[in-house]
Amino acid sequence: IVLLNKLDLGDDGAREFKRSSQANGALAGSVRDA
């Protein structure tokens, strides 16, 4: 499971990852968020 964390602080890494070949199925958000 790939979790793109800390999106409450920004999303530069998440947008970069989504453009990659491994982007399918990743989760995005923050571990502080239920």
PDB file of all heavy atoms in Angstrom:
ATOM      1  N   ILE A   1       0.871  -1.164   0.000  1.00  0.00           N
ATOM      2  CA  ILE A   1       0.000   0.000   0.000  1.00  0.00           C
ATOM      3  C   ILE A   1       0.913   1.220   0.000  1.00  0.00           C
ATOM      4  O   ILE A   1       1.821   1.307   0.837  1.00  0.00           O
ATOM      5  CB  ILE A   1      -0.908   0.032   1.247  1.00  0.00           C
ATOM      6  CG1 ILE A   1      -1.826  -1.197   1.284  1.00  0.00           C
ATOM      7  CG2 ILE A   1      -1.730   1.317   1.307  1.00  0.00           C
ATOM      8  CD1 ILE A   1      -2.541  -1.383   2.607  1.00  0.00           C
ATOM      9  N   VAL A   2       0.713   2.137  -0.924  1.00  0.00           N
ATOM     10  CA  VAL A   2       1.472   3.385  -0.948  1.00  0.00           C
ATOM     11  C   VAL A   2       0.584   4.487  -0.384  1.00  0.00           C
ATOM     12  O   VAL A   2      -0.512   4.739  -0.899  1.00  0.00           O
ATOM     13  CB  VAL A   2       1.940   3.745  -2.363  1.00  0.00           C
ATOM     14  CG1 VAL A   2       2.646   5.106  -2.364  1.00  0.00           C
ATOM     15  CG2 VAL A   2       2.869   2.667  -2.908  1.00  0.00           C
ATOM     16  N   LEU A   3       1.041   5.125   0.678  1.00  0.00           N
ATOM     17  CA  LEU A   3       0.312   6.224   1.301  1.00  0.00           C
ATOM     18  C   LEU A   3       1.109   7.512   1.107  1.00  0.00           C
ATOM     19  O   LEU A   3       2.228   7.654   1.605  1.00  0.00           O
ATOM     20  CB  LEU A   3       0.106   5.975   2.794  1.00  0.00           C
ATOM     21  CG  LEU A   3      -0.488   7.152   3.582  1.00  0.00           C
ATOM     22  CD1 LEU A   3      -1.876   7.514   3.058  1.00  0.00           C
ATOM     23  CD2 LEU A   3      -0.552   6.821   5.076  1.00  0.00           C
ATOM     24  N   LEU A   4       0.538   8.444   0.355  1.00  0.00           N
ATOM     25  CA  LEU A   4       1.119   9.773   0.191  1.00  0.00           C
ATOM     26  C   LEU A   4       0.594  10.633   1.331  1.00  0.00           C
ATOM     27  O   LEU A   4      -0.558  11.069   1.326  1.00  0.00           O
ATOM     28  CB  LEU A   4       0.724  10.349  -1.173  1.00  0.00           C
ATOM     29  CG  LEU A   4       1.183   9.507  -2.368  1.00  0.00           C
ATOM     30  CD1 LEU A   4       0.497   9.947  -3.647  1.00  0.00           C
ATOM     31  CD2 LEU A   4       2.697   9.576  -2.518  1.00  0.00           C
ATOM     32  N   ASN A   5       1.447  10.838   2.308  1.00  0.00           N
ATOM     33  CA  ASN A   5       1.048  11.451   3.578  1.00  0.00           C
ATOM     34  C   ASN A   5       1.310  12.965   3.564  1.00  0.00           C
ATOM     35  O   ASN A   5       1.945  13.499   2.663  1.00  0.00           O
ATOM     36  CB  ASN A   5       1.839  10.765   4.704  1.00  0.00           C
ATOM     37  CG  ASN A   5       1.354  11.163   6.075  1.00  0.00           C
ATOM     38  OD1 ASN A   5       0.170  11.465   6.270  1.00  0.00           O
ATOM     39  ND2 ASN A   5       2.255  11.177   7.038  1.00  0.00           N
ATOM     40  N   LYS A   6       0.799  13.615   4.587  1.00  0.00           N
ATOM     41  CA  LYS A   6       1.041  15.049   4.864  1.00  0.00           C
ATOM     42  C   LYS A   6       0.443  15.983   3.819  1.00  0.00           C
ATOM     43  O   LYS A   6       0.960  17.080   3.579  1.00  0.00           O
ATOM     44  CB  LYS A   6       2.535  15.330   5.021  1.00  0.00           C
ATOM     45  CG  LYS A   6       3.181  14.569   6.184  1.00  0.00           C
ATOM     46  CD  LYS A   6       4.598  15.042   6.435  1.00  0.00           C
ATOM     47  CE  LYS A   6       5.210  14.328   7.633  1.00  0.00           C
ATOM     48  NZ  LYS A   6       6.562  14.834   7.964  1.00  0.00           N
ATOM     49  N   LEU A   7      -0.645  15.553   3.180  1.00  0.00           N
ATOM     50  CA  LEU A   7      -1.257  16.425   2.191  1.00  0.00           C
ATOM     51  C   LEU A   7      -1.936  17.635   2.825  1.00  0.00           C
ATOM     52  O   LEU A   7      -2.348  18.555   2.106  1.00  0.00           O
ATOM     53  CB  LEU A   7      -2.256  15.645   1.325  1.00  0.00           C
ATOM     54  CG  LEU A   7      -1.666  15.155  -0.020  1.00  0.00           C
ATOM     55  CD1 LEU A   7      -0.543  14.170   0.213  1.00  0.00           C
ATOM     56  CD2 LEU A   7      -2.742  14.571  -0.901  1.00  0.00           C
ATOM     57  N   ASP A   8      -2.037  17.642   4.164  1.00  0.00           N
ATOM     58  CA  ASP A   8      -2.532  18.840   4.840  1.00  0.00           C
ATOM     59  C   ASP A   8      -1.490  19.957   4.799  1.00  0.00           C
ATOM     60  O   ASP A   8      -1.804  21.121   5.087  1.00  0.00           O
ATOM     61  CB  ASP A   8      -2.909  18.520   6.283  1.00  0.00           C
ATOM     62  CG  ASP A   8      -1.790  17.812   7.045  1.00  0.00           C
ATOM     63  OD1 ASP A   8      -1.020  17.062   6.411  1.00  0.00           O
ATOM     64  OD2 ASP A   8      -1.695  17.993   8.281  1.00  0.00           O
ATOM     65  N   LEU A   9      -0.236  19.618   4.414  1.00  0.00           N
ATOM     66  CA  LEU A   9       0.841  20.604   4.356  1.00  0.00           C
ATOM     67  C   LEU A   9       1.219  20.984   2.926  1.00  0.00           C
ATOM     68  O   LEU A   9       2.050  21.870   2.712  1.00  0.00           O
ATOM     69  CB  LEU A   9       2.092  20.062   5.069  1.00  0.00           C
ATOM     70  CG  LEU A   9       1.906  19.653   6.534  1.00  0.00           C
ATOM     71  CD1 LEU A   9       3.208  19.086   7.092  1.00  0.00           C
ATOM     72  CD2 LEU A   9       1.427  20.836   7.367  1.00  0.00           C
ATOM     73  N   GLY A  10       0.657  20.314   1.934  1.00  0.00           N
ATOM     74  CA  GLY A  10       0.991  20.567   0.535  1.00  0.00           C
ATOM     75  C   GLY A  10       0.841  19.307  -0.277  1.00  0.00           C
ATOM     76  O   GLY A  10       0.572  18.225   0.272  1.00  0.00           O
ATOM     77  N   ASP A  11       1.013  19.401  -1.601  1.00  0.00           N
ATOM     78  CA  ASP A  11       0.809  18.217  -2.447  1.00  0.00           C
ATOM     79  C   ASP A  11       1.810  18.104  -3.582  1.00  0.00           C
ATOM     80  O   ASP A  11       1.562  17.436  -4.593  1.00  0.00           O
ATOM     81  CB  ASP A  11      -0.610  18.203  -2.998  1.00  0.00           C
ATOM     82  CG  ASP A  11      -0.892  19.359  -3.947  1.00  0.00           C
ATOM     83  OD1 ASP A  11      -0.045  20.266  -4.044  1.00  0.00           O
ATOM     84  OD2 ASP A  11      -1.963  19.352  -4.579  1.00  0.00           O
ATOM     85  N   ASP A  12       2.981  18.737  -3.458  1.00  0.00           N
ATOM     86  CA  ASP A  12       3.976  18.679  -4.543  1.00  0.00           C
ATOM     87  C   ASP A  12       4.388  17.237  -4.847  1.00  0.00           C
ATOM     88  O   ASP A  12       4.448  16.819  -6.013  1.00  0.00           O
ATOM     89  CB  ASP A  12       5.217  19.494  -4.168  1.00  0.00           C
ATOM     90  CG  ASP A  12       4.959  20.993  -4.191  1.00  0.00           C
ATOM     91  OD1 ASP A  12       3.881  21.382  -4.687  1.00  0.00           O
ATOM     92  OD2 ASP A  12       5.819  21.751  -3.710  1.00  0.00           O
ATOM     93  N   GLY A  13       4.696  16.472  -3.803  1.00  0.00           N
ATOM     94  CA  GLY A  13       5.112  15.079  -4.007  1.00  0.00           C
ATOM     95  C   GLY A  13       3.988  14.222  -4.537  1.00  0.00           C
ATOM     96  O   GLY A  13       4.200  13.329  -5.376  1.00  0.00           O
ATOM     97  N   ALA A  14       2.754  14.457  -4.069  1.00  0.00           N
ATOM     98  CA  ALA A  14       1.613  13.665  -4.531  1.00  0.00           C
ATOM     99  C   ALA A  14       1.370  13.883  -6.020  1.00  0.00           C
ATOM    100  O   ALA A  14       1.120  12.926  -6.771  1.00  0.00           O
ATOM    101  CB  ALA A  14       0.372  14.031  -3.727  1.00  0.00           C
ATOM    102  N   ARG A  15       1.436  15.143  -6.474  1.00  0.00           N
ATOM    103  CA  ARG A  15       1.234  15.419  -7.901  1.00  0.00           C
ATOM    104  C   ARG A  15       2.351  14.803  -8.738  1.00  0.00           C
ATOM    105  O   ARG A  15       2.108  14.274  -9.825  1.00  0.00           O
ATOM    106  CB  ARG A  15       1.140  16.931  -8.127  1.00  0.00           C
ATOM    107  CG  ARG A  15      -0.186  17.511  -7.642  1.00  0.00           C
ATOM    108  CD  ARG A  15      -0.398  18.962  -8.047  1.00  0.00           C
ATOM    109  NE  ARG A  15       0.438  19.853  -7.246  1.00  0.00           N
ATOM    110  CZ  ARG A  15       1.488  20.512  -7.703  1.00  0.00           C
ATOM    111  NH1 ARG A  15       1.872  20.362  -8.963  1.00  0.00           N
ATOM    112  NH2 ARG A  15       2.183  21.315  -6.915  1.00  0.00           N
ATOM    113  N   GLU A  16       3.576  14.841  -8.213  1.00  0.00           N
ATOM    114  CA  GLU A  16       4.692  14.215  -8.931  1.00  0.00           C
ATOM    115  C   GLU A  16       4.495  12.711  -9.045  1.00  0.00           C
ATOM    116  O   GLU A  16       4.724  12.105 -10.102  1.00  0.00           O
ATOM    117  CB  GLU A  16       6.006  14.534  -8.210  1.00  0.00           C
ATOM    118  CG  GLU A  16       7.240  13.915  -8.850  1.00  0.00           C
ATOM    119  CD  GLU A  16       8.506  14.175  -8.036  1.00  0.00           C
ATOM    120  OE1 GLU A  16       8.493  15.075  -7.163  1.00  0.00           O
ATOM    121  OE2 GLU A  16       9.499  13.459  -8.267  1.00  0.00           O
ATOM    122  N   PHE A  17       4.065  12.080  -7.945  1.00  0.00           N
ATOM    123  CA  PHE A  17       3.873  10.624  -7.949  1.00  0.00           C
ATOM    124  C   PHE A  17       2.761  10.232  -8.926  1.00  0.00           C
ATOM    125  O   PHE A  17       2.872   9.224  -9.623  1.00  0.00           O
ATOM    126  CB  PHE A  17       3.537  10.140  -6.544  1.00  0.00           C
ATOM    127  CG  PHE A  17       3.347   8.652  -6.436  1.00  0.00           C
ATOM    128  CD1 PHE A  17       4.432   7.792  -6.374  1.00  0.00           C
ATOM    129  CD2 PHE A  17       2.081   8.096  -6.431  1.00  0.00           C
ATOM    130  CE1 PHE A  17       4.269   6.423  -6.284  1.00  0.00           C
ATOM    131  CE2 PHE A  17       1.898   6.724  -6.341  1.00  0.00           C
ATOM    132  CZ  PHE A  17       2.999   5.885  -6.273  1.00  0.00           C
ATOM    133  N   LYS A  18       1.699  11.022  -8.986  1.00  0.00           N
ATOM    134  CA  LYS A  18       0.576  10.681  -9.858  1.00  0.00           C
ATOM    135  C   LYS A  18       0.963  10.717 -11.325  1.00  0.00           C
ATOM    136  O   LYS A  18       0.292  10.103 -12.167  1.00  0.00           O
ATOM    137  CB  LYS A  18      -0.590  11.615  -9.584  1.00  0.00           C
ATOM    138  CG  LYS A  18      -1.268  11.352  -8.238  1.00  0.00           C
ATOM    139  CD  LYS A  18      -2.401  12.329  -7.964  1.00  0.00           C
ATOM    140  CE  LYS A  18      -3.041  12.038  -6.604  1.00  0.00           C
ATOM    141  NZ  LYS A  18      -4.125  13.000  -6.276  1.00  0.00           N
ATOM    142  N   ARG A  19       2.023  11.427 -11.649  1.00  0.00           N
ATOM    143  CA  ARG A  19       2.493  11.455 -13.041  1.00  0.00           C
ATOM    144  C   ARG A  19       3.412  10.272 -13.364  1.00  0.00           C
ATOM    145  O   ARG A  19       3.787  10.070 -14.516  1.00  0.00           O
ATOM    146  CB  ARG A  19       3.234  12.761 -13.312  1.00  0.00           C
ATOM    147  CG  ARG A  19       2.356  14.000 -13.251  1.00  0.00           C
ATOM    148  CD  ARG A  19       3.076  15.209 -13.825  1.00  0.00           C
ATOM    149  NE  ARG A  19       4.265  15.568 -13.062  1.00  0.00           N
ATOM    150  CZ  ARG A  19       4.263  16.435 -12.046  1.00  0.00           C
ATOM    151  NH1 ARG A  19       3.130  17.034 -11.683  1.00  0.00           N
ATOM    152  NH2 ARG A  19       5.387  16.720 -11.403  1.00  0.00           N
ATOM    153  N   SER A  20       3.776   9.471 -12.331  1.00  0.00           N
ATOM    154  CA  SER A  20       4.707   8.360 -12.524  1.00  0.00           C
ATOM    155  C   SER A  20       3.981   7.102 -12.963  1.00  0.00           C
ATOM    156  O   SER A  20       2.755   7.023 -12.935  1.00  0.00           O
ATOM    157  CB  SER A  20       5.479   8.082 -11.230  1.00  0.00           C
ATOM    158  OG  SER A  20       4.628   7.453 -10.278  1.00  0.00           O
ATOM    159  N   SER A  21       4.777   6.101 -13.351  1.00  0.00           N
ATOM    160  CA  SER A  21       4.197   4.823 -13.804  1.00  0.00           C
ATOM    161  C   SER A  21       3.659   3.988 -12.653  1.00  0.00           C
ATOM    162  O   SER A  21       2.983   2.988 -12.872  1.00  0.00           O
ATOM    163  CB  SER A  21       5.259   4.024 -14.567  1.00  0.00           C
ATOM    164  OG  SER A  21       6.374   3.758 -13.719  1.00  0.00           O
ATOM    165  N   GLN A  22       3.957   4.363 -11.396  1.00  0.00           N
ATOM    166  CA  GLN A  22       3.526   3.573 -10.235  1.00  0.00           C
ATOM    167  C   GLN A  22       2.288   4.164  -9.557  1.00  0.00           C
ATOM    168  O   GLN A  22       1.937   3.776  -8.454  1.00  0.00           O
ATOM    169  CB  GLN A  22       4.660   3.511  -9.206  1.00  0.00           C
ATOM    170  CG  GLN A  22       5.949   2.919  -9.733  1.00  0.00           C
ATOM    171  CD  GLN A  22       6.983   2.779  -8.636  1.00  0.00           C
ATOM    172  OE1 GLN A  22       6.757   2.132  -7.619  1.00  0.00           O
ATOM    173  NE2 GLN A  22       8.128   3.406  -8.819  1.00  0.00           N
ATOM    174  N   ALA A  23       1.627   5.104 -10.217  1.00  0.00           N
ATOM    175  CA  ALA A  23       0.598   5.889  -9.548  1.00  0.00           C
ATOM    176  C   ALA A  23      -0.664   5.109  -9.214  1.00  0.00           C
ATOM    177  O   ALA A  23      -1.431   5.509  -8.339  1.00  0.00           O
ATOM    178  CB  ALA A  23       0.241   7.098 -10.405  1.00  0.00           C
ATOM    179  N   ASN A  24      -0.935   4.003  -9.885  1.00  0.00           N
ATOM    180  CA  ASN A  24      -2.187   3.286  -9.674  1.00  0.00           C
ATOM    181  C   ASN A  24      -2.332   2.797  -8.233  1.00  0.00           C
ATOM    182  O   ASN A  24      -1.434   2.156  -7.685  1.00  0.00           O
ATOM    183  CB  ASN A  24      -2.280   2.078 -10.620  1.00  0.00           C
ATOM    184  CG  ASN A  24      -2.441   2.509 -12.064  1.00  0.00           C
ATOM    185  OD1 ASN A  24      -2.879   3.628 -12.324  1.00  0.00           O
ATOM    186  ND2 ASN A  24      -2.095   1.629 -12.992  1.00  0.00           N
ATOM    187  N   GLY A  25      -3.497   3.092  -7.647  1.00  0.00           N
ATOM    188  CA  GLY A  25      -3.841   2.508  -6.356  1.00  0.00           C
ATOM    189  C   GLY A  25      -3.272   3.189  -5.142  1.00  0.00           C
ATOM    190  O   GLY A  25      -3.496   2.727  -4.020  1.00  0.00           O
ATOM    191  N   ALA A  26      -2.544   4.285  -5.296  1.00  0.00           N
ATOM    192  CA  ALA A  26      -1.983   4.948  -4.123  1.00  0.00           C
ATOM    193  C   ALA A  26      -3.073   5.676  -3.347  1.00  0.00           C
ATOM    194  O   ALA A  26      -4.052   6.164  -3.923  1.00  0.00           O
ATOM    195  CB  ALA A  26      -0.897   5.932  -4.555  1.00  0.00           C
ATOM    196  N   LEU A  27      -2.882   5.747  -2.031  1.00  0.00           N
ATOM    197  CA  LEU A  27      -3.776   6.505  -1.168  1.00  0.00           C
ATOM    198  C   LEU A  27      -3.132   7.846  -0.872  1.00  0.00           C
ATOM    199  O   LEU A  27      -1.901   7.941  -0.759  1.00  0.00           O
ATOM    200  CB  LEU A  27      -4.035   5.758   0.136  1.00  0.00           C
ATOM    201  CG  LEU A  27      -4.600   4.337   0.018  1.00  0.00           C
ATOM    202  CD1 LEU A  27      -4.716   3.714   1.400  1.00  0.00           C
ATOM    203  CD2 LEU A  27      -5.944   4.342  -0.684  1.00  0.00           C
ATOM    204  N   ALA A  28      -3.933   8.888  -0.720  1.00  0.00           N
ATOM    205  CA  ALA A  28      -3.406  10.219  -0.443  1.00  0.00           C
ATOM    206  C   ALA A  28      -4.200  10.836   0.690  1.00  0.00           C
ATOM    207  O   ALA A  28      -5.428  10.680   0.760  1.00  0.00           O
ATOM    208  CB  ALA A  28      -3.489  11.096  -1.690  1.00  0.00           C
ATOM    209  N   GLY A  29      -3.514  11.523   1.594  1.00  0.00           N
ATOM    210  CA  GLY A  29      -4.192  12.164   2.711  1.00  0.00           C
ATOM    211  C   GLY A  29      -3.213  12.488   3.809  1.00  0.00           C
ATOM    212  O   GLY A  29      -2.052  12.823   3.553  1.00  0.00           O
ATOM    213  N   SER A  30      -3.682  12.350   5.044  1.00  0.00           N
ATOM    214  CA  SER A  30      -2.847  12.635   6.214  1.00  0.00           C
ATOM    215  C   SER A  30      -3.196  11.657   7.316  1.00  0.00           C
ATOM    216  O   SER A  30      -4.379  11.378   7.562  1.00  0.00           O
ATOM    217  CB  SER A  30      -3.087  14.068   6.702  1.00  0.00           C
ATOM    218  OG  SER A  30      -2.471  14.274   7.966  1.00  0.00           O
ATOM    219  N   VAL A  31      -2.156  11.132   7.987  1.00  0.00           N
ATOM    220  CA  VAL A  31      -2.407  10.195   9.074  1.00  0.00           C
ATOM    221  C   VAL A  31      -3.094  10.881  10.253  1.00  0.00           C
ATOM    222  O   VAL A  31      -3.574  10.209  11.173  1.00  0.00           O
ATOM    223  CB  VAL A  31      -1.104   9.515   9.544  1.00  0.00           C
ATOM    224  CG1 VAL A  31      -0.533   8.648   8.444  1.00  0.00           C
ATOM    225  CG2 VAL A  31      -0.097  10.540  10.024  1.00  0.00           C
ATOM    226  N   ARG A  32      -3.166  12.207  10.224  1.00  0.00           N
ATOM    227  CA  ARG A  32      -3.900  12.927  11.261  1.00  0.00           C
ATOM    228  C   ARG A  32      -5.401  12.950  10.977  1.00  0.00           C
ATOM    229  O   ARG A  32      -6.185  13.375  11.830  1.00  0.00           O
ATOM    230  CB  ARG A  32      -3.378  14.362  11.365  1.00  0.00           C
ATOM    231  CG  ARG A  32      -1.911  14.458  11.780  1.00  0.00           C
ATOM    232  CD  ARG A  32      -1.445  15.895  11.801  1.00  0.00           C
ATOM    233  NE  ARG A  32      -0.047  16.002  12.211  1.00  0.00           N
ATOM    234  CZ  ARG A  32       0.616  17.143  12.281  1.00  0.00           C
ATOM    235  NH1 ARG A  32       0.011  18.287  11.979  1.00  0.00           N
ATOM    236  NH2 ARG A  32       1.885  17.155  12.652  1.00  0.00           N
ATOM    237  N   ASP A  33      -5.783  12.535   9.788  1.00  0.00           N
ATOM    238  CA  ASP A  33      -7.173  12.558   9.346  1.00  0.00           C
ATOM    239  C   ASP A  33      -7.772  11.153   9.482  1.00  0.00           C
ATOM    240  O   ASP A  33      -7.247  10.192   8.917  1.00  0.00           O
ATOM    241  CB  ASP A  33      -7.224  13.029   7.890  1.00  0.00           C
ATOM    242  CG  ASP A  33      -8.648  13.105   7.347  1.00  0.00           C
ATOM    243  OD1 ASP A  33      -9.600  12.951   8.135  1.00  0.00           O
ATOM    244  OD2 ASP A  33      -8.795  13.312   6.125  1.00  0.00           O
ATOM    245  N   ALA A  34      -8.868  11.041  10.210  1.00  0.00           N
ATOM    246  CA  ALA A  34      -9.490   9.727  10.426  1.00  0.00           C
ATOM    247  C   ALA A  34      -9.906   9.085   9.116  1.00  0.00           C
ATOM    248  O   ALA A  34      -9.857   7.848   8.980  1.00  0.00           O
ATOM    249  CB  ALA A  34     -10.698   9.867  11.356  1.00  0.00           C
TER     250      ALA A  34
END
